[in-house]
Amino acid sequence: MLKRELRLPARIRLANPIVFSNSSLVLKVIKNNQGHSRFRVIVSKKIDKRAVVRNKIRRSFYDAFRELYPQLTDSYDMIAIVKKHPENFDARLLLEDLMRKGRLII
């Protein structure tokens, strides 16, 4: 689980975010002035009706963000929206791919 300070609260909406996407994931990003990056994952019921499965997907993305956090170039607010759940997916590779596309990590 991410530290509380690294989690983006649900009440926060990103105004005019920069959007990066691939077939499985959408990443919305905006710079912040918090001094550290914050992250949130959204997994809808369209992905799977079972909360256990949705939470497992969410946890895998939080773990991937925690691993990639030291490589971030600046402080950002990020929302990852899972579009579809492939059978065998690697959250770290999906997230890293989009972060590199947006030049958010080194």
Protein backbone atom coordinates (compact mmCIF):
# COMPACT_ATOMS: atom_id res chain seq x y z
CA MET A 1 0.00 0.00 0.00
CA LEU A 2 1.14 3.52 -0.71
CA LYS A 3 1.88 5.95 2.07
CA ARG A 4 -1.02 8.28 2.72
CA GLU A 5 0.93 11.32 1.47
CA LEU A 6 1.48 9.63 -1.92
CA ARG A 7 -2.23 8.88 -2.46
CA LEU A 8 -4.31 11.36 -4.42
CA PRO A 9 -7.63 11.92 -2.61
CA ALA A 10 -10.80 10.99 -4.51
CA ARG A 11 -12.29 14.47 -4.08
CA ILE A 12 -9.52 16.07 -6.18
CA ARG A 13 -10.30 16.62 -9.85
CA LEU A 14 -7.52 17.36 -12.32
CA ALA A 15 -8.14 20.53 -14.33
CA ASN A 16 -6.83 20.30 -17.91
CA PRO A 17 -4.65 17.20 -17.45
CA ILE A 18 -2.18 15.87 -19.97
CA VAL A 19 -3.45 12.45 -21.07
CA PHE A 20 -1.37 9.45 -22.15
CA SER A 21 -2.99 6.16 -23.09
CA ASN A 22 -2.51 2.71 -24.52
CA SER A 23 -4.90 -0.17 -25.07
CA SER A 24 -5.25 -1.05 -21.37
CA LEU A 25 -4.60 2.14 -19.42
CA VAL A 26 -5.19 5.90 -19.43
CA LEU A 27 -2.84 8.11 -17.40
CA LYS A 28 -3.93 11.67 -16.59
CA VAL A 29 -1.16 13.91 -15.28
CA ILE A 30 -0.86 17.44 -13.94
CA LYS A 31 2.05 19.12 -12.14
CA ASN A 32 1.57 19.97 -8.50
CA ASN A 33 3.43 22.10 -5.97
CA GLN A 34 3.22 19.62 -3.09
CA GLY A 35 6.89 18.64 -3.26
CA HIS A 36 5.97 15.00 -3.92
CA SER A 37 3.90 13.12 -6.46
CA ARG A 38 0.48 11.67 -5.70
CA PHE A 39 -1.24 8.78 -7.45
CA ARG A 40 -4.71 7.23 -7.74
CA VAL A 41 -6.05 4.22 -9.64
CA ILE A 42 -9.61 3.91 -10.91
CA VAL A 43 -10.93 0.45 -11.78
CA SER A 44 -14.60 0.43 -12.79
CA LYS A 45 -17.10 -2.36 -12.45
CA LYS A 46 -16.93 -2.82 -16.22
CA ILE A 47 -13.54 -4.46 -15.68
CA ASP A 48 -14.88 -7.04 -13.24
CA LYS A 49 -17.93 -7.17 -11.03
CA ARG A 50 -15.99 -8.67 -8.12
CA ALA A 51 -14.40 -6.19 -5.72
CA VAL A 52 -11.65 -8.68 -4.91
CA VAL A 53 -10.43 -8.65 -8.51
CA ARG A 54 -10.69 -4.86 -8.82
CA ASN A 55 -8.74 -4.39 -5.59
CA LYS A 56 -6.05 -6.81 -6.76
CA ILE A 57 -5.62 -4.76 -9.95
CA ARG A 58 -5.53 -1.54 -7.92
CA ARG A 59 -2.90 -2.93 -5.53
CA SER A 60 -0.70 -4.05 -8.42
CA PHE A 61 -0.70 -0.52 -9.86
CA TYR A 62 0.04 1.01 -6.45
CA ASP A 63 3.01 -1.34 -6.09
CA ALA A 64 4.22 -0.41 -9.57
CA PHE A 65 3.96 3.30 -8.73
CA ARG A 66 5.87 2.76 -5.50
CA GLU A 67 8.70 1.12 -7.46
CA LEU A 68 8.76 3.88 -10.10
CA TYR A 69 8.41 6.76 -7.64
CA PRO A 70 12.19 7.41 -7.17
CA GLN A 71 12.60 7.82 -10.95
CA LEU A 72 10.06 10.66 -11.29
CA THR A 73 11.55 13.90 -12.60
CA ASP A 74 9.15 16.31 -10.85
CA SER A 75 6.09 16.29 -8.58
CA TYR A 76 2.84 15.32 -10.30
CA ASP A 77 -0.75 14.39 -9.53
CA MET A 78 -1.62 11.27 -11.54
CA ILE A 79 -4.76 9.27 -12.12
CA ALA A 80 -4.53 5.87 -13.80
CA ILE A 81 -7.78 4.59 -15.29
CA VAL A 82 -7.82 0.92 -16.22
CA LYS A 83 -9.71 0.45 -19.50
CA LYS A 84 -9.57 -3.31 -19.76
CA HIS A 85 -8.05 -6.14 -17.80
CA PRO A 86 -5.94 -8.48 -19.91
CA GLU A 87 -5.55 -11.98 -18.51
CA ASN A 88 -1.81 -11.75 -17.92
CA PHE A 89 -0.71 -8.16 -17.47
CA ASP A 90 2.21 -6.47 -15.81
CA ALA A 91 1.11 -3.25 -14.15
CA ARG A 92 4.68 -2.02 -13.81
CA LEU A 93 5.36 -2.34 -17.55
CA LEU A 94 2.07 -0.63 -18.50
CA LEU A 95 2.64 2.25 -16.10
CA GLU A 96 6.33 2.61 -16.94
CA ASP A 97 5.52 2.69 -20.66
CA LEU A 98 3.09 5.59 -20.24
CA MET A 99 5.38 7.46 -17.86
CA ARG A 100 8.26 7.20 -20.32
CA LYS A 101 5.95 8.33 -23.13
CA GLY A 102 5.20 11.48 -21.14
CA ARG A 103 8.83 11.89 -20.03
CA LEU A 104 7.76 11.73 -16.39
CA ILE A 105 10.54 9.32 -15.41
CA ILE A 106 14.21 9.15 -16.23
